[in-house]
Amino acid sequence: MRPTTRFRRLVDAPGILVLPGIQDALTARIAEAAGFAAVTCGGYAATAALLGQPDTSQLGLMEMAEHYARICDAVSVPVFADADTGFGNVTNVRRAVRAYERAGVAGLFIEDQLFPKRCGHMAGKAVVPAEEMVGKLKAALDARRDADLVIMARTDALAINGLDDAIERGQLYRAAGADMVFVEAPRDIDQMRRICAEIDAPCMANNIEGGLTPFLPAAELEAIGYAMVAFPVATTYAIAATIGRLMQTLHATGTTADAADAMLDFTAFNALVGLPELRAAEERDLAFARRLMDAGAPRR
């Protein structure tokens, strides 16, 4: 089954889909090994991993597409992607969707922020007219070659124009054909309930540690009406904290011995990244070559 089809079925399933946020191929493999059915990588985490910078539209289309291609190559589970504002106008949106499809993603979202965008929980955001966003959605939907590729519309209008406008935009984007809707940064549970009740589409919740939205367990979000919840930055925050402690320990003591309980060792890490399977595949290929040569294969 194609990753797109699997992801669409996960979204449509009765229970809420929990998406761990990853930031690169390695953390995607860790999430898959933990048993998650799908993963997501947002621009916030990608920018942190690739540039060590904040989420302010610093990565371009092809940088993001190449990043997703490496992630998709590393895991067998569906990958949900961040297409920011579509990287420009409707022409850019069409190219973005095709590039992301080639990368192997199972779904993506496009948002109605004004470029350059900001993280949805940062101050100073601005949104484009709803008409412009509908045009981008139409371009995205027309550009996809796989009809099961999930295209989600995100609106950041709540922070700028209020909840009513955000819900109206969500309804409009659904009417334009969006498979899912994401109203970013609701401030309380009542707003979250209205979003899920008044937008007739699968909706996503966004759990940001220290963000603006109430941080709720997946079961409570499911009861409110959400179809999917992402934890997009938890991995990045955990890496920053863990590596910070490791570097402090190494700097202070001249050894990593005191941090061993927070690390994998050589053997365990090699197992995580699939070295035993790689070596076994190498041996199978060499054994095939040896058998062919022993059988007297003709030489030119």
C-alpha atoms as a PDB file:
ATOM      1  CA  MET A   1       0.000   0.000   0.000  1.00  0.00           C
ATOM      2  CA  ARG A   2       1.289   3.461  -0.897  1.00  0.00           C
ATOM      3  CA  PRO A   3       2.293   5.721   2.015  1.00  0.00           C
ATOM      4  CA  THR A   4      -0.302   8.249   0.872  1.00  0.00           C
ATOM      5  CA  THR A   5      -3.103   5.695   1.079  1.00  0.00           C
ATOM      6  CA  ARG A   6      -1.921   4.442   4.469  1.00  0.00           C
ATOM      7  CA  PHE A   7      -1.770   7.979   5.811  1.00  0.00           C
ATOM      8  CA  ARG A   8      -5.229   8.856   4.518  1.00  0.00           C
ATOM      9  CA  ARG A   9      -6.635   5.748   6.204  1.00  0.00           C
ATOM     10  CA  LEU A  10      -4.922   6.652   9.475  1.00  0.00           C
ATOM     11  CA  VAL A  11      -6.476  10.123   9.357  1.00  0.00           C
ATOM     12  CA  ASP A  12      -9.919   8.704   8.589  1.00  0.00           C
ATOM     13  CA  ALA A  13      -9.748   5.978  11.248  1.00  0.00           C
ATOM     14  CA  PRO A  14     -11.976   6.395  14.332  1.00  0.00           C
ATOM     15  CA  GLY A  15      -9.166   7.051  16.836  1.00  0.00           C
ATOM     16  CA  ILE A  16      -6.958  10.138  16.883  1.00  0.00           C
ATOM     17  CA  LEU A  17      -3.676   9.864  14.984  1.00  0.00           C
ATOM     18  CA  VAL A  18      -0.661  10.868  17.087  1.00  0.00           C
ATOM     19  CA  LEU A  19       2.184  12.276  15.001  1.00  0.00           C
ATOM     20  CA  PRO A  20       5.577  12.575  16.686  1.00  0.00           C
ATOM     21  CA  GLY A  21       7.623  15.446  15.358  1.00  0.00           C
ATOM     22  CA  ILE A  22      11.034  14.450  14.034  1.00  0.00           C
ATOM     23  CA  GLN A  23      13.768  16.639  12.603  1.00  0.00           C
ATOM     24  CA  ASP A  24      15.847  14.379  10.366  1.00  0.00           C
ATOM     25  CA  ALA A  25      16.292  10.825   9.102  1.00  0.00           C
ATOM     26  CA  LEU A  26      17.819   9.576  12.361  1.00  0.00           C
ATOM     27  CA  THR A  27      15.026  10.836  14.583  1.00  0.00           C
ATOM     28  CA  ALA A  28      12.506   9.471  12.079  1.00  0.00           C
ATOM     29  CA  ARG A  29      14.030   6.014  12.482  1.00  0.00           C
ATOM     30  CA  ILE A  30      13.847   6.356  16.255  1.00  0.00           C
ATOM     31  CA  ALA A  31      10.150   7.268  16.065  1.00  0.00           C
ATOM     32  CA  GLU A  32       9.425   4.354  13.744  1.00  0.00           C
ATOM     33  CA  ALA A  33      11.263   1.964  16.067  1.00  0.00           C
ATOM     34  CA  ALA A  34       9.104   3.217  18.943  1.00  0.00           C
ATOM     35  CA  GLY A  35       6.026   2.021  17.071  1.00  0.00           C
ATOM     36  CA  PHE A  36       4.472   5.179  15.603  1.00  0.00           C
ATOM     37  CA  ALA A  37       2.357   4.636  12.493  1.00  0.00           C
ATOM     38  CA  ALA A  38       3.400   7.948  10.887  1.00  0.00           C
ATOM     39  CA  VAL A  39       5.708  10.897  11.575  1.00  0.00           C
ATOM     40  CA  THR A  40       5.846  14.602  10.804  1.00  0.00           C
ATOM     41  CA  CYS A  41       8.660  17.064  10.276  1.00  0.00           C
ATOM     42  CA  GLY A  42       7.864  20.770  10.370  1.00  0.00           C
ATOM     43  CA  GLY A  43       9.844  23.738   9.204  1.00  0.00           C
ATOM     44  CA  TYR A  44      10.636  24.675  12.815  1.00  0.00           C
ATOM     45  CA  ALA A  45      12.445  21.393  13.478  1.00  0.00           C
ATOM     46  CA  ALA A  46      14.022  21.231  10.022  1.00  0.00           C
ATOM     47  CA  THR A  47      15.396  24.761  10.314  1.00  0.00           C
ATOM     48  CA  ALA A  48      16.798  23.994  13.756  1.00  0.00           C
ATOM     49  CA  ALA A  49      18.443  20.786  12.518  1.00  0.00           C
ATOM     50  CA  LEU A  50      19.820  22.122   9.227  1.00  0.00           C
ATOM     51  CA  LEU A  51      20.669  25.732  10.106  1.00  0.00           C
ATOM     52  CA  GLY A  52      20.546  26.057  13.891  1.00  0.00           C
ATOM     53  CA  GLN A  53      18.185  28.970  13.288  1.00  0.00           C
ATOM     54  CA  PRO A  54      14.574  29.901  14.192  1.00  0.00           C
ATOM     55  CA  ASP A  55      11.556  29.159  12.002  1.00  0.00           C
ATOM     56  CA  THR A  56      11.427  32.265   9.826  1.00  0.00           C
ATOM     57  CA  SER A  57      11.230  30.931   6.236  1.00  0.00           C
ATOM     58  CA  GLN A  58      14.976  30.569   5.834  1.00  0.00           C
ATOM     59  CA  LEU A  59      14.844  27.190   4.070  1.00  0.00           C
ATOM     60  CA  GLY A  60      13.829  27.139   0.424  1.00  0.00           C
ATOM     61  CA  LEU A  61      11.640  24.713  -1.481  1.00  0.00           C
ATOM     62  CA  MET A  62      14.364  22.405  -2.742  1.00  0.00           C
ATOM     63  CA  GLU A  63      16.191  22.369   0.594  1.00  0.00           C
ATOM     64  CA  MET A  64      12.988  21.192   2.259  1.00  0.00           C
ATOM     65  CA  ALA A  65      12.157  18.703  -0.510  1.00  0.00           C
ATOM     66  CA  GLU A  66      15.631  17.175  -0.310  1.00  0.00           C
ATOM     67  CA  HIS A  67      15.350  16.981   3.478  1.00  0.00           C
ATOM     68  CA  TYR A  68      12.042  15.137   3.173  1.00  0.00           C
ATOM     69  CA  ALA A  69      13.475  12.791   0.537  1.00  0.00           C
ATOM     70  CA  ARG A  70      16.177  11.674   2.972  1.00  0.00           C
ATOM     71  CA  ILE A  71      13.614  11.178   5.731  1.00  0.00           C
ATOM     72  CA  CYS A  72      11.262   9.204   3.481  1.00  0.00           C
ATOM     73  CA  ASP A  73      14.157   6.997   2.347  1.00  0.00           C
ATOM     74  CA  ALA A  74      15.018   6.218   5.973  1.00  0.00           C
ATOM     75  CA  VAL A  75      11.627   4.935   7.143  1.00  0.00           C
ATOM     76  CA  SER A  76       8.705   2.878   5.889  1.00  0.00           C
ATOM     77  CA  VAL A  77       5.997   4.845   7.738  1.00  0.00           C
ATOM     78  CA  PRO A  78       4.170   7.783   6.099  1.00  0.00           C
ATOM     79  CA  VAL A  79       5.771  11.229   6.474  1.00  0.00           C
ATOM     80  CA  PHE A  80       3.595  14.357   6.822  1.00  0.00           C
ATOM     81  CA  ALA A  81       5.335  17.497   5.550  1.00  0.00           C
ATOM     82  CA  ASP A  82       5.315  21.261   6.000  1.00  0.00           C
ATOM     83  CA  ALA A  83       5.035  23.275   2.771  1.00  0.00           C
ATOM     84  CA  ASP A  84       4.970  26.631   4.587  1.00  0.00           C
ATOM     85  CA  THR A  85       3.156  29.242   2.461  1.00  0.00           C
ATOM     86  CA  GLY A  86       3.713  27.241  -0.719  1.00  0.00           C
ATOM     87  CA  PHE A  87       6.997  29.080  -1.331  1.00  0.00           C
ATOM     88  CA  GLY A  88       5.327  31.806  -3.381  1.00  0.00           C
ATOM     89  CA  ASN A  89       2.279  32.163  -5.602  1.00  0.00           C
ATOM     90  CA  VAL A  90       0.165  29.488  -7.269  1.00  0.00           C
ATOM     91  CA  THR A  91       2.951  28.635  -9.704  1.00  0.00           C
ATOM     92  CA  ASN A  92       5.350  27.993  -6.836  1.00  0.00           C
ATOM     93  CA  VAL A  93       2.707  25.954  -5.018  1.00  0.00           C
ATOM     94  CA  ARG A  94       2.323  23.627  -7.987  1.00  0.00           C
ATOM     95  CA  ARG A  95       6.075  23.088  -8.150  1.00  0.00           C
ATOM     96  CA  ALA A  96       6.233  22.530  -4.391  1.00  0.00           C
ATOM     97  CA  VAL A  97       3.562  19.818  -4.455  1.00  0.00           C
ATOM     98  CA  ARG A  98       5.323  17.988  -7.273  1.00  0.00           C
ATOM     99  CA  ALA A  99       8.703  18.245  -5.539  1.00  0.00           C
ATOM    100  CA  TYR A 100       7.254  16.952  -2.291  1.00  0.00           C
ATOM    101  CA  GLU A 101       5.531  14.081  -4.078  1.00  0.00           C
ATOM    102  CA  ARG A 102       8.839  13.103  -5.689  1.00  0.00           C
ATOM    103  CA  ALA A 103      10.399  13.191  -2.227  1.00  0.00           C
ATOM    104  CA  GLY A 104       7.877  10.583  -1.098  1.00  0.00           C
ATOM    105  CA  VAL A 105       5.775  12.438   1.475  1.00  0.00           C
ATOM    106  CA  ALA A 106       2.310  11.114   2.313  1.00  0.00           C
ATOM    107  CA  GLY A 107       0.752  14.498   2.974  1.00  0.00           C
ATOM    108  CA  LEU A 108       1.539  18.176   3.394  1.00  0.00           C
ATOM    109  CA  PHE A 109       0.039  21.413   4.605  1.00  0.00           C
ATOM    110  CA  ILE A 110      -0.002  24.909   3.174  1.00  0.00           C
ATOM    111  CA  GLU A 111      -0.700  27.947   5.337  1.00  0.00           C
ATOM    112  CA  ASP A 112      -2.230  31.375   4.758  1.00  0.00           C
ATOM    113  CA  GLN A 113       0.503  33.413   6.397  1.00  0.00           C
ATOM    114  CA  LEU A 114       2.185  36.265   4.578  1.00  0.00           C
ATOM    115  CA  PHE A 115       5.706  35.357   3.462  1.00  0.00           C
ATOM    116  CA  PRO A 116       8.130  35.298   5.213  1.00  0.00           C
ATOM    117  CA  LYS A 117       6.102  33.322   7.707  1.00  0.00           C
ATOM    118  CA  ARG A 118       6.729  32.868  11.414  1.00  0.00           C
ATOM    119  CA  CYS A 119       6.190  29.938  13.720  1.00  0.00           C
ATOM    120  CA  GLY A 120       2.476  29.868  14.489  1.00  0.00           C
ATOM    121  CA  HIS A 121       3.054  30.567  18.181  1.00  0.00           C
ATOM    122  CA  MET A 122       5.255  33.614  17.584  1.00  0.00           C
ATOM    123  CA  ALA A 123       4.018  37.204  17.668  1.00  0.00           C
ATOM    124  CA  GLY A 124       3.884  39.457  14.601  1.00  0.00           C
ATOM    125  CA  LYS A 125       2.158  37.127  12.142  1.00  0.00           C
ATOM    126  CA  ALA A 126       0.113  38.336   9.165  1.00  0.00           C
ATOM    127  CA  VAL A 127      -2.209  36.474   6.810  1.00  0.00           C
ATOM    128  CA  VAL A 128      -2.956  36.823   3.130  1.00  0.00           C
ATOM    129  CA  PRO A 129      -6.510  37.406   1.862  1.00  0.00           C
ATOM    130  CA  ALA A 130      -8.594  34.222   1.961  1.00  0.00           C
ATOM    131  CA  GLU A 131      -9.036  34.418  -1.825  1.00  0.00           C
ATOM    132  CA  GLU A 132      -5.289  34.156  -2.341  1.00  0.00           C
ATOM    133  CA  MET A 133      -5.097  31.082  -0.112  1.00  0.00           C
ATOM    134  CA  VAL A 134      -7.991  29.413  -1.968  1.00  0.00           C
ATOM    135  CA  GLY A 135      -6.078  29.931  -5.194  1.00  0.00           C
ATOM    136  CA  LYS A 136      -3.043  28.212  -3.678  1.00  0.00           C
ATOM    137  CA  LEU A 137      -5.159  25.298  -2.490  1.00  0.00           C
ATOM    138  CA  LYS A 138      -6.667  24.893  -5.960  1.00  0.00           C
ATOM    139  CA  ALA A 139      -3.171  24.863  -7.443  1.00  0.00           C
ATOM    140  CA  ALA A 140      -2.004  22.283  -4.901  1.00  0.00           C
ATOM    141  CA  LEU A 141      -4.971  20.004  -5.462  1.00  0.00           C
ATOM    142  CA  ASP A 142      -4.598  20.187  -9.236  1.00  0.00           C
ATOM    143  CA  ALA A 143      -0.844  19.574  -9.081  1.00  0.00           C
ATOM    144  CA  ARG A 144      -0.879  16.368  -7.079  1.00  0.00           C
ATOM    145  CA  ARG A 145      -0.495  13.248  -9.186  1.00  0.00           C
ATOM    146  CA  ASP A 146      -1.530  10.856  -6.421  1.00  0.00           C
ATOM    147  CA  ALA A 147      -5.126  11.545  -5.410  1.00  0.00           C
ATOM    148  CA  ASP A 148      -4.436  10.038  -1.969  1.00  0.00           C
ATOM    149  CA  LEU A 149      -1.796  12.665  -1.140  1.00  0.00           C
ATOM    150  CA  VAL A 150      -3.339  14.440   1.855  1.00  0.00           C
ATOM    151  CA  ILE A 151      -3.376  18.226   1.491  1.00  0.00           C
ATOM    152  CA  MET A 152      -4.183  20.148   4.647  1.00  0.00           C
ATOM    153  CA  ALA A 153      -5.026  23.847   4.786  1.00  0.00           C
ATOM    154  CA  ARG A 154      -3.677  25.778   7.743  1.00  0.00           C
ATOM    155  CA  THR A 155      -4.921  29.179   8.847  1.00  0.00           C
ATOM    156  CA  ASP A 156      -3.150  31.516  11.242  1.00  0.00           C
ATOM    157  CA  ALA A 157      -6.012  34.040  11.154  1.00  0.00           C
ATOM    158  CA  LEU A 158      -7.087  33.452  14.752  1.00  0.00           C
ATOM    159  CA  ALA A 159      -4.237  35.532  16.178  1.00  0.00           C
ATOM    160  CA  ILE A 160      -4.805  38.384  13.721  1.00  0.00           C
ATOM    161  CA  ASN A 161      -8.531  38.506  12.940  1.00  0.00           C
ATOM    162  CA  GLY A 162     -10.092  36.415  15.699  1.00  0.00           C
ATOM    163  CA  LEU A 163     -11.731  33.023  15.974  1.00  0.00           C
ATOM    164  CA  ASP A 164     -14.751  33.731  13.764  1.00  0.00           C
ATOM    165  CA  ASP A 165     -12.565  34.620  10.791  1.00  0.00           C
ATOM    166  CA  ALA A 166     -10.335  31.606  11.402  1.00  0.00           C
ATOM    167  CA  ILE A 167     -13.346  29.280  11.387  1.00  0.00           C
ATOM    168  CA  GLU A 168     -14.777  30.942   8.277  1.00  0.00           C
ATOM    169  CA  ARG A 169     -11.458  30.470   6.532  1.00  0.00           C
ATOM    170  CA  GLY A 170     -11.342  26.841   7.626  1.00  0.00           C
ATOM    171  CA  GLN A 171     -14.822  26.279   6.206  1.00  0.00           C
ATOM    172  CA  LEU A 172     -13.853  28.014   2.964  1.00  0.00           C
ATOM    173  CA  TYR A 173     -10.661  26.027   2.597  1.00  0.00           C
ATOM    174  CA  ARG A 174     -12.589  22.803   3.114  1.00  0.00           C
ATOM    175  CA  ALA A 175     -15.104  23.876   0.484  1.00  0.00           C
ATOM    176  CA  ALA A 176     -12.170  24.502  -1.866  1.00  0.00           C
ATOM    177  CA  GLY A 177     -11.199  20.839  -1.486  1.00  0.00           C
ATOM    178  CA  ALA A 178      -8.702  20.674   1.411  1.00  0.00           C
ATOM    179  CA  ASP A 179      -8.577  17.164   2.895  1.00  0.00           C
ATOM    180  CA  MET A 180      -7.877  18.475   6.400  1.00  0.00           C
ATOM    181  CA  VAL A 181      -7.969  21.819   8.210  1.00  0.00           C
ATOM    182  CA  PHE A 182      -5.589  23.176  10.828  1.00  0.00           C
ATOM    183  CA  VAL A 183      -6.535  26.291  12.789  1.00  0.00           C
ATOM    184  CA  GLU A 184      -3.287  27.280  14.474  1.00  0.00           C
ATOM    185  CA  ALA A 185      -2.894  28.493  18.069  1.00  0.00           C
ATOM    186  CA  PRO A 186      -6.346  28.423  19.705  1.00  0.00           C
ATOM    187  CA  ARG A 187      -6.054  29.907  23.189  1.00  0.00           C
ATOM    188  CA  ASP A 188      -8.503  27.763  25.181  1.00  0.00           C
ATOM    189  CA  ILE A 189     -10.569  24.584  25.095  1.00  0.00           C
ATOM    190  CA  ASP A 190     -13.773  26.419  24.150  1.00  0.00           C
ATOM    191  CA  GLN A 191     -12.072  27.720  21.005  1.00  0.00           C
ATOM    192  CA  MET A 192     -10.834  24.219  20.235  1.00  0.00           C
ATOM    193  CA  ARG A 193     -14.353  22.816  20.596  1.00  0.00           C
ATOM    194  CA  ARG A 194     -15.782  25.445  18.245  1.00  0.00           C
ATOM    195  CA  ILE A 195     -13.117  24.730  15.646  1.00  0.00           C
ATOM    196  CA  CYS A 196     -13.896  21.007  15.587  1.00  0.00           C
ATOM    197  CA  ALA A 197     -17.673  21.507  15.734  1.00  0.00           C
ATOM    198  CA  GLU A 198     -17.975  24.195  13.072  1.00  0.00           C
ATOM    199  CA  ILE A 199     -15.462  23.030  10.473  1.00  0.00           C
ATOM    200  CA  ASP A 200     -16.733  19.930   8.697  1.00  0.00           C
ATOM    201  CA  ALA A 201     -13.331  18.392   8.091  1.00  0.00           C
ATOM    202  CA  PRO A 202     -10.743  16.319   9.928  1.00  0.00           C
ATOM    203  CA  CYS A 203      -8.886  18.849  12.101  1.00  0.00           C
ATOM    204  CA  MET A 204      -5.377  18.775  13.538  1.00  0.00           C
ATOM    205  CA  ALA A 205      -4.276  19.896  16.982  1.00  0.00           C
ATOM    206  CA  ASN A 206      -0.747  21.183  17.545  1.00  0.00           C
ATOM    207  CA  ASN A 207       0.898  20.434  20.896  1.00  0.00           C
ATOM    208  CA  ILE A 208       3.749  22.902  21.420  1.00  0.00           C
ATOM    209  CA  GLU A 209       5.575  22.669  24.735  1.00  0.00           C
ATOM    210  CA  GLY A 210       5.346  26.186  26.177  1.00  0.00           C
ATOM    211  CA  GLY A 211       3.125  27.371  23.299  1.00  0.00           C
ATOM    212  CA  LEU A 212      -0.143  29.306  23.269  1.00  0.00           C
ATOM    213  CA  THR A 213      -2.577  26.391  22.963  1.00  0.00           C
ATOM    214  CA  PRO A 214      -3.696  24.252  25.937  1.00  0.00           C
ATOM    215  CA  PHE A 215      -1.390  21.235  26.061  1.00  0.00           C
ATOM    216  CA  LEU A 216      -3.752  18.263  26.202  1.00  0.00           C
ATOM    217  CA  PRO A 217      -3.276  14.489  25.982  1.00  0.00           C
ATOM    218  CA  ALA A 218      -4.332  12.789  22.770  1.00  0.00           C
ATOM    219  CA  ALA A 219      -7.387  11.186  24.410  1.00  0.00           C
ATOM    220  CA  GLU A 220      -8.761  14.582  25.473  1.00  0.00           C
ATOM    221  CA  LEU A 221      -8.139  16.045  22.031  1.00  0.00           C
ATOM    222  CA  GLU A 222      -9.965  13.111  20.471  1.00  0.00           C
ATOM    223  CA  ALA A 223     -12.937  13.767  22.776  1.00  0.00           C
ATOM    224  CA  ILE A 224     -12.966  17.412  21.642  1.00  0.00           C
ATOM    225  CA  GLY A 225     -13.166  16.223  18.043  1.00  0.00           C
ATOM    226  CA  TYR A 226      -9.654  16.308  16.621  1.00  0.00           C
ATOM    227  CA  ALA A 227      -8.628  13.663  14.083  1.00  0.00           C
ATOM    228  CA  MET A 228      -4.881  14.175  14.478  1.00  0.00           C
ATOM    229  CA  VAL A 229      -2.424  15.712  16.915  1.00  0.00           C
ATOM    230  CA  ALA A 230       1.194  16.630  16.207  1.00  0.00           C
ATOM    231  CA  PHE A 231       4.002  17.081  18.707  1.00  0.00           C
ATOM    232  CA  PRO A 232       6.207  18.898  16.192  1.00  0.00           C
ATOM    233  CA  VAL A 233       8.999  20.313  18.350  1.00  0.00           C
ATOM    234  CA  ALA A 234       9.310  17.889  21.283  1.00  0.00           C
ATOM    235  CA  THR A 235      12.168  15.999  19.642  1.00  0.00           C
ATOM    236  CA  THR A 236      14.073  19.191  18.896  1.00  0.00           C
ATOM    237  CA  TYR A 237      13.610  20.478  22.437  1.00  0.00           C
ATOM    238  CA  ALA A 238      14.689  17.133  23.896  1.00  0.00           C
ATOM    239  CA  ILE A 239      17.807  17.058  21.729  1.00  0.00           C
ATOM    240  CA  ALA A 240      18.718  20.611  22.743  1.00  0.00           C
ATOM    241  CA  ALA A 241      18.345  19.791  26.432  1.00  0.00           C
ATOM    242  CA  THR A 242      20.100  16.411  26.304  1.00  0.00           C
ATOM    243  CA  ILE A 243      23.033  17.581  24.190  1.00  0.00           C
ATOM    244  CA  GLY A 244      23.339  20.662  26.396  1.00  0.00           C
ATOM    245  CA  ARG A 245      23.748  18.471  29.466  1.00  0.00           C
ATOM    246  CA  LEU A 246      26.167  16.171  27.643  1.00  0.00           C
ATOM    247  CA  MET A 247      28.400  19.057  26.559  1.00  0.00           C
ATOM    248  CA  GLN A 248      28.386  20.570  30.032  1.00  0.00           C
ATOM    249  CA  THR A 249      29.397  17.217  31.508  1.00  0.00           C
ATOM    250  CA  LEU A 250      32.175  16.678  28.970  1.00  0.00           C
ATOM    251  CA  HIS A 251      33.457  20.212  29.397  1.00  0.00           C
ATOM    252  CA  ALA A 252      33.469  19.946  33.177  1.00  0.00           C
ATOM    253  CA  THR A 253      34.881  16.433  33.592  1.00  0.00           C
ATOM    254  CA  GLY A 254      36.791  15.662  30.399  1.00  0.00           C
ATOM    255  CA  THR A 255      34.774  12.472  29.886  1.00  0.00           C
ATOM    256  CA  THR A 256      31.267  11.383  28.921  1.00  0.00           C
ATOM    257  CA  ALA A 257      31.221   8.606  31.536  1.00  0.00           C
ATOM    258  CA  ASP A 258      28.816  10.491  33.809  1.00  0.00           C
ATOM    259  CA  ALA A 259      26.358  10.884  30.923  1.00  0.00           C
ATOM    260  CA  ALA A 260      26.404   7.239  29.828  1.00  0.00           C
ATOM    261  CA  ASP A 261      22.881   6.579  31.081  1.00  0.00           C
ATOM    262  CA  ALA A 262      21.552   9.181  28.596  1.00  0.00           C
ATOM    263  CA  MET A 263      23.382   7.680  25.617  1.00  0.00           C
ATOM    264  CA  LEU A 264      23.366   4.599  23.422  1.00  0.00           C
ATOM    265  CA  ASP A 265      26.636   2.746  23.090  1.00  0.00           C
ATOM    266  CA  PHE A 266      28.358   1.693  19.865  1.00  0.00           C
ATOM    267  CA  THR A 267      26.544  -1.629  19.503  1.00  0.00           C
ATOM    268  CA  ALA A 268      23.103  -0.306  20.365  1.00  0.00           C
ATOM    269  CA  PHE A 269      23.374   2.636  17.976  1.00  0.00           C
ATOM    270  CA  ASN A 270      24.534   0.427  15.114  1.00  0.00           C
ATOM    271  CA  ALA A 271      21.527  -1.791  15.715  1.00  0.00           C
ATOM    272  CA  LEU A 272      19.212   1.247  15.681  1.00  0.00           C
ATOM    273  CA  VAL A 273      20.442   2.482  12.309  1.00  0.00           C
ATOM    274  CA  GLY A 274      20.337  -1.005  10.764  1.00  0.00           C
ATOM    275  CA  LEU A 275      23.991  -1.952  10.446  1.00  0.00           C
ATOM    276  CA  PRO A 276      23.379  -5.706  11.011  1.00  0.00           C
ATOM    277  CA  GLU A 277      20.758  -5.751   8.235  1.00  0.00           C
ATOM    278  CA  LEU A 278      23.047  -3.800   5.918  1.00  0.00           C
ATOM    279  CA  ARG A 279      25.907  -6.239   6.483  1.00  0.00           C
ATOM    280  CA  ALA A 280      23.569  -9.193   5.888  1.00  0.00           C
ATOM    281  CA  ALA A 281      22.415  -7.647   2.592  1.00  0.00           C
ATOM    282  CA  GLU A 282      26.035  -7.103   1.552  1.00  0.00           C
ATOM    283  CA  GLU A 283      26.822 -10.742   2.290  1.00  0.00           C
ATOM    284  CA  ARG A 284      23.807 -11.954   0.289  1.00  0.00           C
ATOM    285  CA  ASP A 285      24.931  -9.928  -2.733  1.00  0.00           C
ATOM    286  CA  LEU A 286      28.497 -11.199  -2.472  1.00  0.00           C
ATOM    287  CA  ALA A 287      27.298 -14.784  -2.034  1.00  0.00           C
ATOM    288  CA  PHE A 288      25.225 -14.440  -5.203  1.00  0.00           C
ATOM    289  CA  ALA A 289      28.289 -13.170  -7.067  1.00  0.00           C
ATOM    290  CA  ARG A 290      30.403 -16.061  -5.782  1.00  0.00           C
ATOM    291  CA  ARG A 291      27.804 -18.654  -6.819  1.00  0.00           C
ATOM    292  CA  LEU A 292      27.570 -17.135 -10.280  1.00  0.00           C
ATOM    293  CA  MET A 293      31.325 -17.186 -10.714  1.00  0.00           C
ATOM    294  CA  ASP A 294      31.601 -20.761  -9.427  1.00  0.00           C
ATOM    295  CA  ALA A 295      28.970 -21.838 -11.940  1.00  0.00           C
ATOM    296  CA  GLY A 296      31.203 -20.620 -14.721  1.00  0.00           C
ATOM    297  CA  ALA A 297      29.354 -17.537 -15.817  1.00  0.00           C
ATOM    298  CA  PRO A 298      30.534 -16.377 -19.269  1.00  0.00           C
ATOM    299  CA  ARG A 299      32.978 -13.481 -19.299  1.00  0.00           C
ATOM    300  CA  ARG A 300      33.398 -10.933 -22.036  1.00  0.00           C
END
